Amino acid sequence: MSDMRRHAVSSSTIASIGYDREEHLLEIEFVNESVYRYRLVPESVHRDLMASPSHGRFFNTRIRDKYPTEQVD
């Protein structure tokens, strides 16, 4: 189980988002309770994701299928 601190967001698809600056690791919990980690994500991408008016749309266009991904149990 992840010990990364995630922050709740207002989104129809994403429940919470966490980021480890040292590891460049983005962790996203979706509303269906699945959790995925995205590796090698620049801090600027995390910052833009958090500032985006649509977290789901930003995820689909800028993160999904673009970074090494693993599902967290």
PDB file of N, CA and C in Angstrom:
ATOM      1  N   MET A   1       0.840  -1.189   0.000  1.00  0.00           N
ATOM      2  CA  MET A   1       0.000   0.000   0.000  1.00  0.00           C
ATOM      3  C   MET A   1       0.877   1.241   0.000  1.00  0.00           C
ATOM      4  N   SER A   2       0.453   2.231  -0.697  1.00  0.00           N
ATOM      5  CA  SER A   2       1.242   3.444  -0.831  1.00  0.00           C
ATOM      6  C   SER A   2       1.214   4.278   0.447  1.00  0.00           C
ATOM      7  N   ASP A   3       2.354   4.893   0.750  1.00  0.00           N
ATOM      8  CA  ASP A   3       2.379   5.822   1.868  1.00  0.00           C
ATOM      9  C   ASP A   3       2.509   7.256   1.363  1.00  0.00           C
ATOM     10  N   MET A   4       2.357   7.430   0.040  1.00  0.00           N
ATOM     11  CA  MET A   4       2.416   8.758  -0.540  1.00  0.00           C
ATOM     12  C   MET A   4       1.177   9.548  -0.118  1.00  0.00           C
ATOM     13  N   ARG A   5       1.390  10.785   0.225  1.00  0.00           N
ATOM     14  CA  ARG A   5       0.278  11.650   0.629  1.00  0.00           C
ATOM     15  C   ARG A   5      -0.406  12.197  -0.624  1.00  0.00           C
ATOM     16  N   ARG A   6      -1.687  11.889  -0.753  1.00  0.00           N
ATOM     17  CA  ARG A   6      -2.458  12.387  -1.890  1.00  0.00           C
ATOM     18  C   ARG A   6      -3.435  13.446  -1.399  1.00  0.00           C
ATOM     19  N   HIS A   7      -3.775  14.340  -2.297  1.00  0.00           N
ATOM     20  CA  HIS A   7      -4.712  15.415  -1.985  1.00  0.00           C
ATOM     21  C   HIS A   7      -5.976  15.235  -2.823  1.00  0.00           C
ATOM     22  N   ALA A   8      -7.120  15.318  -2.170  1.00  0.00           N
ATOM     23  CA  ALA A   8      -8.398  15.175  -2.863  1.00  0.00           C
ATOM     24  C   ALA A   8      -8.569  16.299  -3.876  1.00  0.00           C
ATOM     25  N   VAL A   9      -9.153  15.951  -5.015  1.00  0.00           N
ATOM     26  CA  VAL A   9      -9.444  16.946  -6.043  1.00  0.00           C
ATOM     27  C   VAL A   9     -10.908  16.817  -6.451  1.00  0.00           C
ATOM     28  N   SER A  10     -11.427  17.874  -7.041  1.00  0.00           N
ATOM     29  CA  SER A  10     -12.800  17.879  -7.520  1.00  0.00           C
ATOM     30  C   SER A  10     -12.795  17.455  -8.981  1.00  0.00           C
ATOM     31  N   SER A  11     -13.159  16.202  -9.230  1.00  0.00           N
ATOM     32  CA  SER A  11     -13.127  15.657 -10.586  1.00  0.00           C
ATOM     33  C   SER A  11     -14.117  14.507 -10.664  1.00  0.00           C
ATOM     34  N   SER A  12     -14.699  14.303 -11.833  1.00  0.00           N
ATOM     35  CA  SER A  12     -15.631  13.185 -11.990  1.00  0.00           C
ATOM     36  C   SER A  12     -14.893  11.860 -12.185  1.00  0.00           C
ATOM     37  N   THR A  13     -13.589  11.906 -12.469  1.00  0.00           N
ATOM     38  CA  THR A  13     -12.834  10.672 -12.706  1.00  0.00           C
ATOM     39  C   THR A  13     -11.697  10.449 -11.710  1.00  0.00           C
ATOM     40  N   ILE A  14     -11.147  11.528 -11.145  1.00  0.00           N
ATOM     41  CA  ILE A  14      -9.990  11.424 -10.256  1.00  0.00           C
ATOM     42  C   ILE A  14     -10.388  11.829  -8.839  1.00  0.00           C
ATOM     43  N   ALA A  15     -10.051  10.953  -7.874  1.00  0.00           N
ATOM     44  CA  ALA A  15     -10.388  11.235  -6.470  1.00  0.00           C
ATOM     45  C   ALA A  15      -9.281  12.012  -5.771  1.00  0.00           C
ATOM     46  N   SER A  16      -8.012  11.606  -6.001  1.00  0.00           N
ATOM     47  CA  SER A  16      -6.912  12.285  -5.324  1.00  0.00           C
ATOM     48  C   SER A  16      -5.620  12.137  -6.122  1.00  0.00           C
ATOM     49  N   ILE A  17      -4.693  13.066  -5.860  1.00  0.00           N
ATOM     50  CA  ILE A  17      -3.426  13.133  -6.594  1.00  0.00           C
ATOM     51  C   ILE A  17      -2.300  13.364  -5.602  1.00  0.00           C
ATOM     52  N   GLY A  18      -1.215  12.612  -5.781  1.00  0.00           N
ATOM     53  CA  GLY A  18      -0.019  12.810  -4.979  1.00  0.00           C
ATOM     54  C   GLY A  18       1.201  12.900  -5.875  1.00  0.00           C
ATOM     55  N   TYR A  19       2.266  13.507  -5.349  1.00  0.00           N
ATOM     56  CA  TYR A  19       3.480  13.644  -6.152  1.00  0.00           C
ATOM     57  C   TYR A  19       4.704  13.619  -5.257  1.00  0.00           C
ATOM     58  N   ASP A  20       5.706  12.852  -5.656  1.00  0.00           N
ATOM     59  CA  ASP A  20       6.990  12.788  -4.963  1.00  0.00           C
ATOM     60  C   ASP A  20       8.011  13.516  -5.830  1.00  0.00           C
ATOM     61  N   ARG A  21       8.445  14.688  -5.381  1.00  0.00           N
ATOM     62  CA  ARG A  21       9.361  15.524  -6.162  1.00  0.00           C
ATOM     63  C   ARG A  21      10.716  14.859  -6.385  1.00  0.00           C
ATOM     64  N   GLU A  22      11.217  14.172  -5.366  1.00  0.00           N
ATOM     65  CA  GLU A  22      12.534  13.545  -5.487  1.00  0.00           C
ATOM     66  C   GLU A  22      12.530  12.385  -6.475  1.00  0.00           C
ATOM     67  N   GLU A  23      11.445  11.623  -6.500  1.00  0.00           N
ATOM     68  CA  GLU A  23      11.351  10.448  -7.368  1.00  0.00           C
ATOM     69  C   GLU A  23      10.666  10.751  -8.708  1.00  0.00           C
ATOM     70  N   HIS A  24      10.115  11.967  -8.849  1.00  0.00           N
ATOM     71  CA  HIS A  24       9.336  12.328 -10.047  1.00  0.00           C
ATOM     72  C   HIS A  24       8.228  11.300 -10.276  1.00  0.00           C
ATOM     73  N   LEU A  25       7.539  10.997  -9.183  1.00  0.00           N
ATOM     74  CA  LEU A  25       6.518   9.952  -9.184  1.00  0.00           C
ATOM     75  C   LEU A  25       5.152  10.572  -8.904  1.00  0.00           C
ATOM     76  N   LEU A  26       4.241  10.381  -9.839  1.00  0.00           N
ATOM     77  CA  LEU A  26       2.877  10.889  -9.712  1.00  0.00           C
ATOM     78  C   LEU A  26       1.969   9.722  -9.353  1.00  0.00           C
ATOM     79  N   GLU A  27       1.121   9.907  -8.361  1.00  0.00           N
ATOM     80  CA  GLU A  27       0.196   8.850  -7.964  1.00  0.00           C
ATOM     81  C   GLU A  27      -1.214   9.397  -8.054  1.00  0.00           C
ATOM     82  N   ILE A  28      -2.075   8.662  -8.743  1.00  0.00           N
ATOM     83  CA  ILE A  28      -3.454   9.104  -8.941  1.00  0.00           C
ATOM     84  C   ILE A  28      -4.407   8.013  -8.474  1.00  0.00           C
ATOM     85  N   GLU A  29      -5.341   8.418  -7.621  1.00  0.00           N
ATOM     86  CA  GLU A  29      -6.436   7.532  -7.223  1.00  0.00           C
ATOM     87  C   GLU A  29      -7.665   7.967  -8.006  1.00  0.00           C
ATOM     88  N   PHE A  30      -8.246   7.024  -8.725  1.00  0.00           N
ATOM     89  CA  PHE A  30      -9.432   7.315  -9.505  1.00  0.00           C
ATOM     90  C   PHE A  30     -10.682   7.085  -8.662  1.00  0.00           C
ATOM     91  N   VAL A  31     -11.810   7.604  -9.110  1.00  0.00           N
ATOM     92  CA  VAL A  31     -13.039   7.492  -8.331  1.00  0.00           C
ATOM     93  C   VAL A  31     -13.482   6.043  -8.182  1.00  0.00           C
ATOM     94  N   ASN A  32     -13.024   5.151  -9.043  1.00  0.00           N
ATOM     95  CA  ASN A  32     -13.360   3.728  -8.902  1.00  0.00           C
ATOM     96  C   ASN A  32     -12.439   3.033  -7.891  1.00  0.00           C
ATOM     97  N   GLU A  33     -11.608   3.836  -7.197  1.00  0.00           N
ATOM     98  CA  GLU A  33     -10.700   3.398  -6.132  1.00  0.00           C
ATOM     99  C   GLU A  33      -9.429   2.721  -6.625  1.00  0.00           C
ATOM    100  N   SER A  34      -9.221   2.611  -7.941  1.00  0.00           N
ATOM    101  CA  SER A  34      -7.947   2.092  -8.429  1.00  0.00           C
ATOM    102  C   SER A  34      -6.892   3.190  -8.293  1.00  0.00           C
ATOM    103  N   VAL A  35      -5.650   2.770  -8.022  1.00  0.00           N
ATOM    104  CA  VAL A  35      -4.547   3.709  -7.827  1.00  0.00           C
ATOM    105  C   VAL A  35      -3.429   3.344  -8.787  1.00  0.00           C
ATOM    106  N   TYR A  36      -2.921   4.345  -9.490  1.00  0.00           N
ATOM    107  CA  TYR A  36      -1.828   4.135 -10.438  1.00  0.00           C
ATOM    108  C   TYR A  36      -0.691   5.097 -10.145  1.00  0.00           C
ATOM    109  N   ARG A  37       0.527   4.617 -10.390  1.00  0.00           N
ATOM    110  CA  ARG A  37       1.722   5.452 -10.280  1.00  0.00           C
ATOM    111  C   ARG A  37       2.297   5.669 -11.669  1.00  0.00           C
ATOM    112  N   TYR A  38       2.695   6.902 -11.907  1.00  0.00           N
ATOM    113  CA  TYR A  38       3.294   7.301 -13.183  1.00  0.00           C
ATOM    114  C   TYR A  38       4.701   7.792 -12.883  1.00  0.00           C
ATOM    115  N   ARG A  39       5.695   7.163 -13.488  1.00  0.00           N
ATOM    116  CA  ARG A  39       7.097   7.475 -13.215  1.00  0.00           C
ATOM    117  C   ARG A  39       7.647   8.495 -14.210  1.00  0.00           C
ATOM    118  N   LEU A  40       8.712   9.174 -13.787  1.00  0.00           N
ATOM    119  CA  LEU A  40       9.436  10.133 -14.634  1.00  0.00           C
ATOM    120  C   LEU A  40       8.581  11.333 -15.027  1.00  0.00           C
ATOM    121  N   VAL A  41       7.638  11.694 -14.185  1.00  0.00           N
ATOM    122  CA  VAL A  41       6.745  12.829 -14.464  1.00  0.00           C
ATOM    123  C   VAL A  41       7.407  14.105 -13.937  1.00  0.00           C
ATOM    124  N   PRO A  42       7.677  15.069 -14.816  1.00  0.00           N
ATOM    125  CA  PRO A  42       8.285  16.327 -14.357  1.00  0.00           C
ATOM    126  C   PRO A  42       7.381  17.068 -13.367  1.00  0.00           C
ATOM    127  N   GLU A  43       8.017  17.792 -12.461  1.00  0.00           N
ATOM    128  CA  GLU A  43       7.256  18.564 -11.477  1.00  0.00           C
ATOM    129  C   GLU A  43       6.320  19.558 -12.163  1.00  0.00           C
ATOM    130  N   SER A  44       6.744  20.098 -13.301  1.00  0.00           N
ATOM    131  CA  SER A  44       5.910  21.068 -14.027  1.00  0.00           C
ATOM    132  C   SER A  44       4.602  20.432 -14.501  1.00  0.00           C
ATOM    133  N   VAL A  45       4.640  19.158 -14.868  1.00  0.00           N
ATOM    134  CA  VAL A  45       3.417  18.470 -15.305  1.00  0.00           C
ATOM    135  C   VAL A  45       2.472  18.297 -14.109  1.00  0.00           C
ATOM    136  N   HIS A  46       3.019  17.930 -12.953  1.00  0.00           N
ATOM    137  CA  HIS A  46       2.186  17.820 -11.746  1.00  0.00           C
ATOM    138  C   HIS A  46       1.565  19.167 -11.403  1.00  0.00           C
ATOM    139  N   ARG A  47       2.373  20.216 -11.452  1.00  0.00           N
ATOM    140  CA  ARG A  47       1.883  21.556 -11.127  1.00  0.00           C
ATOM    141  C   ARG A  47       0.762  21.955 -12.092  1.00  0.00           C
ATOM    142  N   ASP A  48       0.957  21.701 -13.390  1.00  0.00           N
ATOM    143  CA  ASP A  48      -0.074  22.035 -14.381  1.00  0.00           C
ATOM    144  C   ASP A  48      -1.337  21.195 -14.182  1.00  0.00           C
ATOM    145  N   LEU A  49      -1.160  19.929 -13.808  1.00  0.00           N
ATOM    146  CA  LEU A  49      -2.313  19.065 -13.530  1.00  0.00           C
ATOM    147  C   LEU A  49      -3.134  19.635 -12.382  1.00  0.00           C
ATOM    148  N   MET A  50      -2.458  20.013 -11.304  1.00  0.00           N
ATOM    149  CA  MET A  50      -3.171  20.531 -10.138  1.00  0.00           C
ATOM    150  C   MET A  50      -3.864  21.860 -10.437  1.00  0.00           C
ATOM    151  N   ALA A  51      -3.306  22.638 -11.351  1.00  0.00           N
ATOM    152  CA  ALA A  51      -3.879  23.950 -11.689  1.00  0.00           C
ATOM    153  C   ALA A  51      -4.949  23.867 -12.777  1.00  0.00           C
ATOM    154  N   SER A  52      -5.058  22.724 -13.412  1.00  0.00           N
ATOM    155  CA  SER A  52      -5.979  22.590 -14.541  1.00  0.00           C
ATOM    156  C   SER A  52      -7.441  22.659 -14.089  1.00  0.00           C
ATOM    157  N   PRO A  53      -8.294  23.340 -14.877  1.00  0.00           N
ATOM    158  CA  PRO A  53      -9.716  23.376 -14.533  1.00  0.00           C
ATOM    159  C   PRO A  53     -10.385  22.006 -14.706  1.00  0.00           C
ATOM    160  N   SER A  54      -9.764  21.111 -15.496  1.00  0.00           N
ATOM    161  CA  SER A  54     -10.293  19.759 -15.675  1.00  0.00           C
ATOM    162  C   SER A  54      -9.155  18.757 -15.486  1.00  0.00           C
ATOM    163  N   HIS A  55      -9.074  18.186 -14.281  1.00  0.00           N
ATOM    164  CA  HIS A  55      -8.007  17.223 -13.986  1.00  0.00           C
ATOM    165  C   HIS A  55      -8.102  16.015 -14.907  1.00  0.00           C
ATOM    166  N   GLY A  56      -9.325  15.545 -15.168  1.00  0.00           N
ATOM    167  CA  GLY A  56      -9.516  14.376 -16.023  1.00  0.00           C
ATOM    168  C   GLY A  56      -9.067  14.626 -17.449  1.00  0.00           C
ATOM    169  N   ARG A  57      -9.420  15.773 -17.986  1.00  0.00           N
ATOM    170  CA  ARG A  57      -9.024  16.096 -19.357  1.00  0.00           C
ATOM    171  C   ARG A  57      -7.510  16.256 -19.460  1.00  0.00           C
ATOM    172  N   PHE A  58      -6.913  16.929 -18.489  1.00  0.00           N
ATOM    173  CA  PHE A  58      -5.457  17.102 -18.473  1.00  0.00           C
ATOM    174  C   PHE A  58      -4.782  15.731 -18.402  1.00  0.00           C
ATOM    175  N   PHE A  59      -5.275  14.860 -17.522  1.00  0.00           N
ATOM    176  CA  PHE A  59      -4.711  13.518 -17.396  1.00  0.00           C
ATOM    177  C   PHE A  59      -4.766  12.786 -18.736  1.00  0.00           C
ATOM    178  N   ASN A  60      -5.925  12.818 -19.387  1.00  0.00           N
ATOM    179  CA  ASN A  60      -6.091  12.087 -20.646  1.00  0.00           C
ATOM    180  C   ASN A  60      -5.190  12.601 -21.762  1.00  0.00           C
ATOM    181  N   THR A  61      -4.938  13.897 -21.786  1.00  0.00           N
ATOM    182  CA  THR A  61      -4.141  14.454 -22.886  1.00  0.00           C
ATOM    183  C   THR A  61      -2.651  14.551 -22.584  1.00  0.00           C
ATOM    184  N   ARG A  62      -2.271  14.723 -21.316  1.00  0.00           N
ATOM    185  CA  ARG A  62      -0.865  14.985 -20.993  1.00  0.00           C
ATOM    186  C   ARG A  62      -0.153  13.893 -20.203  1.00  0.00           C
ATOM    187  N   ILE A  63      -0.909  12.950 -19.617  1.00  0.00           N
ATOM    188  CA  ILE A  63      -0.271  11.952 -18.739  1.00  0.00           C
ATOM    189  C   ILE A  63      -0.552  10.516 -19.194  1.00  0.00           C
ATOM    190  N   ARG A  64      -1.803  10.202 -19.449  1.00  0.00           N
ATOM    191  CA  ARG A  64      -2.188   8.839 -19.817  1.00  0.00           C
ATOM    192  C   ARG A  64      -1.400   8.346 -21.028  1.00  0.00           C
ATOM    193  N   ASP A  65      -0.845   7.151 -20.920  1.00  0.00           N
ATOM    194  CA  ASP A  65      -0.069   6.504 -21.996  1.00  0.00           C
ATOM    195  C   ASP A  65       1.211   7.244 -22.371  1.00  0.00           C
ATOM    196  N   LYS A  66       1.659   8.182 -21.524  1.00  0.00           N
ATOM    197  CA  LYS A  66       2.863   8.940 -21.846  1.00  0.00           C
ATOM    198  C   LYS A  66       4.025   8.663 -20.894  1.00  0.00           C
ATOM    199  N   TYR A  67       3.752   8.026 -19.758  1.00  0.00           N
ATOM    200  CA  TYR A  67       4.773   7.757 -18.752  1.00  0.00           C
ATOM    201  C   TYR A  67       4.701   6.291 -18.326  1.00  0.00           C
ATOM    202  N   PRO A  68       5.836   5.732 -17.882  1.00  0.00           N
ATOM    203  CA  PRO A  68       5.798   4.357 -17.355  1.00  0.00           C
ATOM    204  C   PRO A  68       4.780   4.300 -16.210  1.00  0.00           C
ATOM    205  N   THR A  69       3.935   3.278 -16.245  1.00  0.00           N
ATOM    206  CA  THR A  69       2.792   3.197 -15.325  1.00  0.00           C
ATOM    207  C   THR A  69       2.751   1.852 -14.613  1.00  0.00           C
ATOM    208  N   GLU A  70       2.331   1.901 -13.340  1.00  0.00           N
ATOM    209  CA  GLU A  70       2.067   0.649 -12.624  1.00  0.00           C
ATOM    210  C   GLU A  70       0.853   0.850 -11.745  1.00  0.00           C
ATOM    211  N   GLN A  71       0.059  -0.218 -11.634  1.00  0.00           N
ATOM    212  CA  GLN A  71      -1.087  -0.167 -10.732  1.00  0.00           C
ATOM    213  C   GLN A  71      -0.611  -0.524  -9.337  1.00  0.00           C
ATOM    214  N   VAL A  72      -1.127   0.182  -8.344  1.00  0.00           N
ATOM    215  CA  VAL A  72      -0.771  -0.047  -6.948  1.00  0.00           C
ATOM    216  C   VAL A  72      -1.857  -0.921  -6.330  1.00  0.00           C
ATOM    217  N   ASP A  73      -1.447  -1.954  -5.617  1.00  0.00           N
ATOM    218  CA  ASP A  73      -2.417  -2.852  -4.962  1.00  0.00           C
ATOM    219  C   ASP A  73      -3.100  -2.170  -3.806  1.00  0.00           C
TER     220      ASP A  73
END
